[in-house]
Structures are given as C-alpha cells and as structure tokens.
PDB file of all heavy atoms in Angstrom:
ATOM      1  N   ILE A   1     -25.883   4.971 -17.564  1.00  0.00           N
ATOM      2  CA  ILE A   1     -27.117   4.372 -18.082  1.00  0.00           C
ATOM      3  C   ILE A   1     -26.818   3.008 -18.698  1.00  0.00           C
ATOM      4  O   ILE A   1     -27.467   2.008 -18.379  1.00  0.00           O
ATOM      5  CB  ILE A   1     -27.787   5.300 -19.110  1.00  0.00           C
ATOM      6  CG1 ILE A   1     -28.365   6.534 -18.421  1.00  0.00           C
ATOM      7  CG2 ILE A   1     -28.862   4.568 -19.902  1.00  0.00           C
ATOM      8  CD1 ILE A   1     -28.750   7.647 -19.374  1.00  0.00           C
ATOM      9  N   LEU A   2     -25.826   2.964 -19.577  1.00  0.00           N
ATOM     10  CA  LEU A   2     -25.482   1.702 -20.231  1.00  0.00           C
ATOM     11  C   LEU A   2     -24.939   0.680 -19.236  1.00  0.00           C
ATOM     12  O   LEU A   2     -25.286  -0.500 -19.297  1.00  0.00           O
ATOM     13  CB  LEU A   2     -24.475   1.948 -21.352  1.00  0.00           C
ATOM     14  CG  LEU A   2     -25.021   2.682 -22.580  1.00  0.00           C
ATOM     15  CD1 LEU A   2     -23.898   3.011 -23.549  1.00  0.00           C
ATOM     16  CD2 LEU A   2     -26.102   1.866 -23.258  1.00  0.00           C
ATOM     17  N   ARG A   3     -24.096   1.128 -18.308  1.00  0.00           N
ATOM     18  CA  ARG A   3     -23.535   0.201 -17.318  1.00  0.00           C
ATOM     19  C   ARG A   3     -24.632  -0.385 -16.432  1.00  0.00           C
ATOM     20  O   ARG A   3     -24.636  -1.585 -16.149  1.00  0.00           O
ATOM     21  CB  ARG A   3     -22.487   0.914 -16.453  1.00  0.00           C
ATOM     22  CG  ARG A   3     -21.760  -0.054 -15.527  1.00  0.00           C
ATOM     23  CD  ARG A   3     -20.976   0.634 -14.480  1.00  0.00           C
ATOM     24  NE  ARG A   3     -21.943   1.251 -13.570  1.00  0.00           N
ATOM     25  CZ  ARG A   3     -21.645   2.165 -12.673  1.00  0.00           C
ATOM     26  NH1 ARG A   3     -20.437   2.609 -12.554  1.00  0.00           N
ATOM     27  NH2 ARG A   3     -22.566   2.657 -11.890  1.00  0.00           N
ATOM     28  N   THR A   4     -25.575   0.446 -16.012  1.00  0.00           N
ATOM     29  CA  THR A   4     -26.677  -0.031 -15.178  1.00  0.00           C
ATOM     30  C   THR A   4     -27.518  -1.063 -15.936  1.00  0.00           C
ATOM     31  O   THR A   4     -27.861  -2.113 -15.389  1.00  0.00           O
ATOM     32  CB  THR A   4     -27.565   1.146 -14.740  1.00  0.00           C
ATOM     33  OG1 THR A   4     -26.762   2.079 -14.020  1.00  0.00           O
ATOM     34  CG2 THR A   4     -28.715   0.682 -13.874  1.00  0.00           C
ATOM     35  N   GLY A   5     -27.826  -0.777 -17.184  1.00  0.00           N
ATOM     36  CA  GLY A   5     -28.601  -1.719 -17.980  1.00  0.00           C
ATOM     37  C   GLY A   5     -27.878  -3.036 -18.194  1.00  0.00           C
ATOM     38  O   GLY A   5     -28.483  -4.105 -18.086  1.00  0.00           O
ATOM     39  N   ILE A   6     -26.583  -2.960 -18.472  1.00  0.00           N
ATOM     40  CA  ILE A   6     -25.798  -4.186 -18.680  1.00  0.00           C
ATOM     41  C   ILE A   6     -25.700  -4.983 -17.387  1.00  0.00           C
ATOM     42  O   ILE A   6     -25.843  -6.209 -17.384  1.00  0.00           O
ATOM     43  CB  ILE A   6     -24.403  -3.844 -19.239  1.00  0.00           C
ATOM     44  CG1 ILE A   6     -24.544  -3.316 -20.668  1.00  0.00           C
ATOM     45  CG2 ILE A   6     -23.482  -5.052 -19.201  1.00  0.00           C
ATOM     46  CD1 ILE A   6     -23.288  -2.693 -21.232  1.00  0.00           C
ATOM     47  N   THR A   7     -25.480  -4.299 -16.269  1.00  0.00           N
ATOM     48  CA  THR A   7     -25.409  -4.976 -14.965  1.00  0.00           C
ATOM     49  C   THR A   7     -26.724  -5.671 -14.645  1.00  0.00           C
ATOM     50  O   THR A   7     -26.738  -6.829 -14.210  1.00  0.00           O
ATOM     51  CB  THR A   7     -25.054  -3.974 -13.849  1.00  0.00           C
ATOM     52  OG1 THR A   7     -23.815  -3.351 -14.169  1.00  0.00           O
ATOM     53  CG2 THR A   7     -24.968  -4.647 -12.499  1.00  0.00           C
ATOM     54  N   ASN A   8     -27.832  -4.964 -14.865  1.00  0.00           N
ATOM     55  CA  ASN A   8     -29.143  -5.567 -14.605  1.00  0.00           C
ATOM     56  C   ASN A   8     -29.409  -6.734 -15.544  1.00  0.00           C
ATOM     57  O   ASN A   8     -30.008  -7.732 -15.144  1.00  0.00           O
ATOM     58  CB  ASN A   8     -30.242  -4.517 -14.723  1.00  0.00           C
ATOM     59  CG  ASN A   8     -30.206  -3.506 -13.605  1.00  0.00           C
ATOM     60  OD1 ASN A   8     -29.511  -3.686 -12.601  1.00  0.00           O
ATOM     61  ND2 ASN A   8     -30.916  -2.414 -13.780  1.00  0.00           N
ATOM     62  N   TYR A   9     -28.959  -6.623 -16.784  1.00  0.00           N
ATOM     63  CA  TYR A   9     -29.116  -7.722 -17.744  1.00  0.00           C
ATOM     64  C   TYR A   9     -28.355  -8.960 -17.268  1.00  0.00           C
ATOM     65  O   TYR A   9     -28.889 -10.069 -17.267  1.00  0.00           O
ATOM     66  CB  TYR A   9     -28.603  -7.280 -19.119  1.00  0.00           C
ATOM     67  CG  TYR A   9     -28.463  -8.415 -20.103  1.00  0.00           C
ATOM     68  CD1 TYR A   9     -29.572  -8.924 -20.766  1.00  0.00           C
ATOM     69  CD2 TYR A   9     -27.227  -8.986 -20.371  1.00  0.00           C
ATOM     70  CE1 TYR A   9     -29.455  -9.967 -21.666  1.00  0.00           C
ATOM     71  CE2 TYR A   9     -27.090 -10.032 -21.267  1.00  0.00           C
ATOM     72  CZ  TYR A   9     -28.213 -10.515 -21.908  1.00  0.00           C
ATOM     73  OH  TYR A   9     -28.089 -11.556 -22.795  1.00  0.00           O
ATOM     74  N   VAL A  10     -27.129  -8.762 -16.846  1.00  0.00           N
ATOM     75  CA  VAL A  10     -26.296  -9.888 -16.400  1.00  0.00           C
ATOM     76  C   VAL A  10     -26.872 -10.518 -15.134  1.00  0.00           C
ATOM     77  O   VAL A  10     -26.853 -11.743 -14.980  1.00  0.00           O
ATOM     78  CB  VAL A  10     -24.834  -9.424 -16.180  1.00  0.00           C
ATOM     79  CG1 VAL A  10     -24.016 -10.484 -15.483  1.00  0.00           C
ATOM     80  CG2 VAL A  10     -24.210  -9.039 -17.505  1.00  0.00           C
ATOM     81  N   ASN A  11     -27.405  -9.718 -14.226  1.00  0.00           N
ATOM     82  CA  ASN A  11     -27.930 -10.224 -12.957  1.00  0.00           C
ATOM     83  C   ASN A  11     -29.338 -10.808 -13.071  1.00  0.00           C
ATOM     84  O   ASN A  11     -29.810 -11.450 -12.141  1.00  0.00           O
ATOM     85  CB  ASN A  11     -27.917  -9.126 -11.901  1.00  0.00           C
ATOM     86  CG  ASN A  11     -26.512  -8.739 -11.512  1.00  0.00           C
ATOM     87  OD1 ASN A  11     -25.575  -9.525 -11.632  1.00  0.00           O
ATOM     88  ND2 ASN A  11     -26.351  -7.506 -11.055  1.00  0.00           N
ATOM     89  N   SER A  12     -30.010 -10.572 -14.189  1.00  0.00           N
ATOM     90  CA  SER A  12     -31.375 -11.067 -14.362  1.00  0.00           C
ATOM     91  C   SER A  12     -31.380 -12.588 -14.536  1.00  0.00           C
ATOM     92  O   SER A  12     -30.518 -13.166 -15.184  1.00  0.00           O
ATOM     93  CB  SER A  12     -32.006 -10.402 -15.581  1.00  0.00           C
ATOM     94  OG  SER A  12     -33.284 -10.916 -15.799  1.00  0.00           O
ATOM     95  N   ARG A  13     -32.373 -13.231 -13.952  1.00  0.00           N
ATOM     96  CA  ARG A  13     -32.507 -14.689 -14.052  1.00  0.00           C
ATOM     97  C   ARG A  13     -33.651 -15.105 -14.968  1.00  0.00           C
ATOM     98  O   ARG A  13     -33.730 -16.233 -15.394  1.00  0.00           O
ATOM     99  CB  ARG A  13     -32.744 -15.297 -12.656  1.00  0.00           C
ATOM    100  CG  ARG A  13     -31.621 -15.041 -11.691  1.00  0.00           C
ATOM    101  CD  ARG A  13     -30.376 -15.803 -12.137  1.00  0.00           C
ATOM    102  NE  ARG A  13     -29.239 -15.413 -11.324  1.00  0.00           N
ATOM    103  CZ  ARG A  13     -28.087 -14.965 -11.809  1.00  0.00           C
ATOM    104  NH1 ARG A  13     -27.920 -14.839 -13.094  1.00  0.00           N
ATOM    105  NH2 ARG A  13     -27.107 -14.639 -11.020  1.00  0.00           N
ATOM    106  N   ASN A  14     -34.528 -14.194 -15.280  1.00  0.00           N
ATOM    107  CA  ASN A  14     -35.685 -14.477 -16.117  1.00  0.00           C
ATOM    108  C   ASN A  14     -35.323 -14.209 -17.582  1.00  0.00           C
ATOM    109  O   ASN A  14     -34.933 -13.104 -17.946  1.00  0.00           O
ATOM    110  CB  ASN A  14     -36.848 -13.577 -15.679  1.00  0.00           C
ATOM    111  CG  ASN A  14     -38.134 -13.901 -16.389  1.00  0.00           C
ATOM    112  OD1 ASN A  14     -38.134 -14.273 -17.553  1.00  0.00           O
ATOM    113  ND2 ASN A  14     -39.237 -13.739 -15.669  1.00  0.00           N
ATOM    114  N   ASP A  15     -35.476 -15.221 -18.435  1.00  0.00           N
ATOM    115  CA  ASP A  15     -35.082 -15.094 -19.839  1.00  0.00           C
ATOM    116  C   ASP A  15     -35.896 -14.034 -20.577  1.00  0.00           C
ATOM    117  O   ASP A  15     -35.370 -13.327 -21.442  1.00  0.00           O
ATOM    118  CB  ASP A  15     -35.216 -16.430 -20.562  1.00  0.00           C
ATOM    119  CG  ASP A  15     -34.152 -17.426 -20.124  1.00  0.00           C
ATOM    120  OD1 ASP A  15     -33.105 -16.975 -19.608  1.00  0.00           O
ATOM    121  OD2 ASP A  15     -34.367 -18.642 -20.294  1.00  0.00           O
ATOM    122  N   LYS A  16     -37.175 -13.935 -20.252  1.00  0.00           N
ATOM    123  CA  LYS A  16     -38.015 -12.941 -20.922  1.00  0.00           C
ATOM    124  C   LYS A  16     -37.577 -11.523 -20.531  1.00  0.00           C
ATOM    125  O   LYS A  16     -37.476 -10.646 -21.394  1.00  0.00           O
ATOM    126  CB  LYS A  16     -39.478 -13.169 -20.535  1.00  0.00           C
ATOM    127  CG  LYS A  16     -40.457 -12.410 -21.366  1.00  0.00           C
ATOM    128  CD  LYS A  16     -41.874 -12.847 -21.041  1.00  0.00           C
ATOM    129  CE  LYS A  16     -42.856 -12.196 -21.977  1.00  0.00           C
ATOM    130  NZ  LYS A  16     -44.227 -12.618 -21.701  1.00  0.00           N
ATOM    131  N   ILE A  17     -37.297 -11.309 -19.266  1.00  0.00           N
ATOM    132  CA  ILE A  17     -36.821  -9.992 -18.807  1.00  0.00           C
ATOM    133  C   ILE A  17     -35.455  -9.687 -19.423  1.00  0.00           C
ATOM    134  O   ILE A  17     -35.193  -8.554 -19.829  1.00  0.00           O
ATOM    135  CB  ILE A  17     -36.753  -9.959 -17.262  1.00  0.00           C
ATOM    136  CG1 ILE A  17     -38.140 -10.191 -16.645  1.00  0.00           C
ATOM    137  CG2 ILE A  17     -36.155  -8.662 -16.768  1.00  0.00           C
ATOM    138  CD1 ILE A  17     -39.128  -9.100 -16.860  1.00  0.00           C
ATOM    139  N   ARG A  18     -34.602 -10.691 -19.525  1.00  0.00           N
ATOM    140  CA  ARG A  18     -33.283 -10.495 -20.155  1.00  0.00           C
ATOM    141  C   ARG A  18     -33.433 -10.055 -21.610  1.00  0.00           C
ATOM    142  O   ARG A  18     -32.684  -9.202 -22.094  1.00  0.00           O
ATOM    143  CB  ARG A  18     -32.459 -11.779 -20.085  1.00  0.00           C
ATOM    144  CG  ARG A  18     -31.882 -12.057 -18.718  1.00  0.00           C
ATOM    145  CD  ARG A  18     -31.203 -13.416 -18.663  1.00  0.00           C
ATOM    146  NE  ARG A  18     -30.028 -13.480 -19.517  1.00  0.00           N
ATOM    147  CZ  ARG A  18     -28.782 -13.308 -19.093  1.00  0.00           C
ATOM    148  NH1 ARG A  18     -28.558 -13.059 -17.823  1.00  0.00           N
ATOM    149  NH2 ARG A  18     -27.770 -13.391 -19.928  1.00  0.00           N
ATOM    150  N   ALA A  19     -34.414 -10.620 -22.309  1.00  0.00           N
ATOM    151  CA  ALA A  19     -34.660 -10.221 -23.701  1.00  0.00           C
ATOM    152  C   ALA A  19     -35.108  -8.764 -23.773  1.00  0.00           C
ATOM    153  O   ALA A  19     -34.679  -8.016 -24.664  1.00  0.00           O
ATOM    154  CB  ALA A  19     -35.706 -11.141 -24.328  1.00  0.00           C
ATOM    155  N   TYR A  20     -35.952  -8.349 -22.822  1.00  0.00           N
ATOM    156  CA  TYR A  20     -36.365  -6.941 -22.778  1.00  0.00           C
ATOM    157  C   TYR A  20     -35.175  -6.030 -22.480  1.00  0.00           C
ATOM    158  O   TYR A  20     -35.029  -4.975 -23.095  1.00  0.00           O
ATOM    159  CB  TYR A  20     -37.462  -6.726 -21.730  1.00  0.00           C
ATOM    160  CG  TYR A  20     -38.813  -7.260 -22.138  1.00  0.00           C
ATOM    161  CD1 TYR A  20     -39.550  -8.041 -21.257  1.00  0.00           C
ATOM    162  CD2 TYR A  20     -39.357  -6.987 -23.385  1.00  0.00           C
ATOM    163  CE1 TYR A  20     -40.791  -8.540 -21.608  1.00  0.00           C
ATOM    164  CE2 TYR A  20     -40.594  -7.474 -23.749  1.00  0.00           C
ATOM    165  CZ  TYR A  20     -41.307  -8.245 -22.843  1.00  0.00           C
ATOM    166  OH  TYR A  20     -42.537  -8.731 -23.205  1.00  0.00           O
ATOM    167  N   TYR A  21     -34.356  -6.434 -21.510  1.00  0.00           N
ATOM    168  CA  TYR A  21     -33.145  -5.647 -21.213  1.00  0.00           C
ATOM    169  C   TYR A  21     -32.297  -5.485 -22.463  1.00  0.00           C
ATOM    170  O   TYR A  21     -31.834  -4.387 -22.784  1.00  0.00           O
ATOM    171  CB  TYR A  21     -32.296  -6.332 -20.137  1.00  0.00           C
ATOM    172  CG  TYR A  21     -32.621  -5.950 -18.727  1.00  0.00           C
ATOM    173  CD1 TYR A  21     -32.969  -6.925 -17.792  1.00  0.00           C
ATOM    174  CD2 TYR A  21     -32.566  -4.639 -18.296  1.00  0.00           C
ATOM    175  CE1 TYR A  21     -33.260  -6.590 -16.484  1.00  0.00           C
ATOM    176  CE2 TYR A  21     -32.853  -4.291 -16.995  1.00  0.00           C
ATOM    177  CZ  TYR A  21     -33.197  -5.266 -16.091  1.00  0.00           C
ATOM    178  OH  TYR A  21     -33.487  -4.931 -14.801  1.00  0.00           O
ATOM    179  N   LEU A  22     -32.081  -6.570 -23.161  1.00  0.00           N
ATOM    180  CA  LEU A  22     -31.240  -6.538 -24.354  1.00  0.00           C
ATOM    181  C   LEU A  22     -31.844  -5.637 -25.427  1.00  0.00           C
ATOM    182  O   LEU A  22     -31.129  -4.841 -26.055  1.00  0.00           O
ATOM    183  CB  LEU A  22     -31.030  -7.952 -24.885  1.00  0.00           C
ATOM    184  CG  LEU A  22     -29.954  -8.126 -25.938  1.00  0.00           C
ATOM    185  CD1 LEU A  22     -28.606  -7.678 -25.410  1.00  0.00           C
ATOM    186  CD2 LEU A  22     -29.882  -9.578 -26.371  1.00  0.00           C
ATOM    187  N   ALA A  23     -33.142  -5.726 -25.622  1.00  0.00           N
ATOM    188  CA  ALA A  23     -33.810  -4.894 -26.629  1.00  0.00           C
ATOM    189  C   ALA A  23     -33.668  -3.412 -26.292  1.00  0.00           C
ATOM    190  O   ALA A  23     -33.316  -2.594 -27.155  1.00  0.00           O
ATOM    191  CB  ALA A  23     -35.281  -5.279 -26.730  1.00  0.00           C
ATOM    192  N   PHE A  24     -33.917  -3.057 -25.033  1.00  0.00           N
ATOM    193  CA  PHE A  24     -33.805  -1.653 -24.638  1.00  0.00           C
ATOM    194  C   PHE A  24     -32.361  -1.174 -24.686  1.00  0.00           C
ATOM    195  O   PHE A  24     -32.086  -0.043 -25.096  1.00  0.00           O
ATOM    196  CB  PHE A  24     -34.404  -1.422 -23.243  1.00  0.00           C
ATOM    197  CG  PHE A  24     -35.899  -1.397 -23.249  1.00  0.00           C
ATOM    198  CD1 PHE A  24     -36.620  -2.336 -22.534  1.00  0.00           C
ATOM    199  CD2 PHE A  24     -36.604  -0.445 -23.967  1.00  0.00           C
ATOM    200  CE1 PHE A  24     -38.004  -2.330 -22.528  1.00  0.00           C
ATOM    201  CE2 PHE A  24     -37.989  -0.415 -23.986  1.00  0.00           C
ATOM    202  CZ  PHE A  24     -38.687  -1.364 -23.258  1.00  0.00           C
ATOM    203  N   LEU A  25     -31.420  -2.021 -24.279  1.00  0.00           N
ATOM    204  CA  LEU A  25     -30.008  -1.632 -24.319  1.00  0.00           C
ATOM    205  C   LEU A  25     -29.528  -1.382 -25.745  1.00  0.00           C
ATOM    206  O   LEU A  25     -28.814  -0.410 -26.003  1.00  0.00           O
ATOM    207  CB  LEU A  25     -29.135  -2.695 -23.648  1.00  0.00           C
ATOM    208  CG  LEU A  25     -29.068  -2.635 -22.141  1.00  0.00           C
ATOM    209  CD1 LEU A  25     -28.412  -3.896 -21.592  1.00  0.00           C
ATOM    210  CD2 LEU A  25     -28.310  -1.404 -21.697  1.00  0.00           C
ATOM    211  N   VAL A  26     -29.900  -2.260 -26.652  1.00  0.00           N
ATOM    212  CA  VAL A  26     -29.496  -2.084 -28.046  1.00  0.00           C
ATOM    213  C   VAL A  26     -30.100  -0.796 -28.608  1.00  0.00           C
ATOM    214  O   VAL A  26     -29.420  -0.025 -29.298  1.00  0.00           O
ATOM    215  CB  VAL A  26     -29.902  -3.309 -28.895  1.00  0.00           C
ATOM    216  CG1 VAL A  26     -29.782  -3.031 -30.375  1.00  0.00           C
ATOM    217  CG2 VAL A  26     -29.067  -4.512 -28.498  1.00  0.00           C
ATOM    218  N   MET A  27     -31.358  -0.543 -28.301  1.00  0.00           N
ATOM    219  CA  MET A  27     -32.014   0.662 -28.794  1.00  0.00           C
ATOM    220  C   MET A  27     -31.364   1.918 -28.208  1.00  0.00           C
ATOM    221  O   MET A  27     -31.086   2.881 -28.933  1.00  0.00           O
ATOM    222  CB  MET A  27     -33.501   0.620 -28.443  1.00  0.00           C
ATOM    223  CG  MET A  27     -34.280   1.747 -29.042  1.00  0.00           C
ATOM    224  SD  MET A  27     -36.071   1.544 -28.931  1.00  0.00           S
ATOM    225  CE  MET A  27     -36.322   1.076 -27.246  1.00  0.00           C
ATOM    226  N   ILE A  28     -31.096   1.916 -26.913  1.00  0.00           N
ATOM    227  CA  ILE A  28     -30.467   3.078 -26.272  1.00  0.00           C
ATOM    228  C   ILE A  28     -29.060   3.290 -26.818  1.00  0.00           C
ATOM    229  O   ILE A  28     -28.662   4.422 -27.118  1.00  0.00           O
ATOM    230  CB  ILE A  28     -30.460   2.892 -24.733  1.00  0.00           C
ATOM    231  CG1 ILE A  28     -31.887   3.011 -24.196  1.00  0.00           C
ATOM    232  CG2 ILE A  28     -29.540   3.899 -24.069  1.00  0.00           C
ATOM    233  CD1 ILE A  28     -32.051   2.580 -22.760  1.00  0.00           C
ATOM    234  N   PHE A  29     -28.304   2.210 -26.992  1.00  0.00           N
ATOM    235  CA  PHE A  29     -26.950   2.329 -27.540  1.00  0.00           C
ATOM    236  C   PHE A  29     -26.987   2.914 -28.953  1.00  0.00           C
ATOM    237  O   PHE A  29     -26.196   3.798 -29.291  1.00  0.00           O
ATOM    238  CB  PHE A  29     -26.247   0.965 -27.536  1.00  0.00           C
ATOM    239  CG  PHE A  29     -24.864   1.013 -28.111  1.00  0.00           C
ATOM    240  CD1 PHE A  29     -23.822   1.561 -27.381  1.00  0.00           C
ATOM    241  CD2 PHE A  29     -24.608   0.531 -29.383  1.00  0.00           C
ATOM    242  CE1 PHE A  29     -22.542   1.618 -27.910  1.00  0.00           C
ATOM    243  CE2 PHE A  29     -23.339   0.581 -29.921  1.00  0.00           C
ATOM    244  CZ  PHE A  29     -22.298   1.130 -29.180  1.00  0.00           C
ATOM    245  N   ALA A  30     -27.896   2.438 -29.772  1.00  0.00           N
ATOM    246  CA  ALA A  30     -28.018   2.944 -31.140  1.00  0.00           C
ATOM    247  C   ALA A  30     -28.377   4.429 -31.140  1.00  0.00           C
ATOM    248  O   ALA A  30     -27.857   5.207 -31.949  1.00  0.00           O
ATOM    249  CB  ALA A  30     -29.050   2.141 -31.910  1.00  0.00           C
ATOM    250  N   MET A  31     -29.242   4.840 -30.230  1.00  0.00           N
ATOM    251  CA  MET A  31     -29.615   6.256 -30.155  1.00  0.00           C
ATOM    252  C   MET A  31     -28.434   7.116 -29.703  1.00  0.00           C
ATOM    253  O   MET A  31     -28.255   8.234 -30.187  1.00  0.00           O
ATOM    254  CB  MET A  31     -30.798   6.440 -29.210  1.00  0.00           C
ATOM    255  CG  MET A  31     -32.088   5.947 -29.760  1.00  0.00           C
ATOM    256  SD  MET A  31     -33.391   6.244 -28.568  1.00  0.00           S
ATOM    257  CE  MET A  31     -34.773   5.556 -29.411  1.00  0.00           C
TER     258      MET A  31
END
C-alpha cells in the first residue's frame, strides 16, 4: 500500500494531485 502510494506520488506530474497523494500517504502511515 505504502509503496504503491509513494510510486504514484513520484510519477505524478500534477502538483495538486501530488499534494493529495502526500496527504493520504502521511495519514495512512500515521494510522
């Protein structure tokens, strides 16, 4: 789950989508 999210974050070109990826990844990691 974390690897997929990080990979998608790195491959994303849209800054707004990258911010969403980062927000969800941080929340999932904390949980």
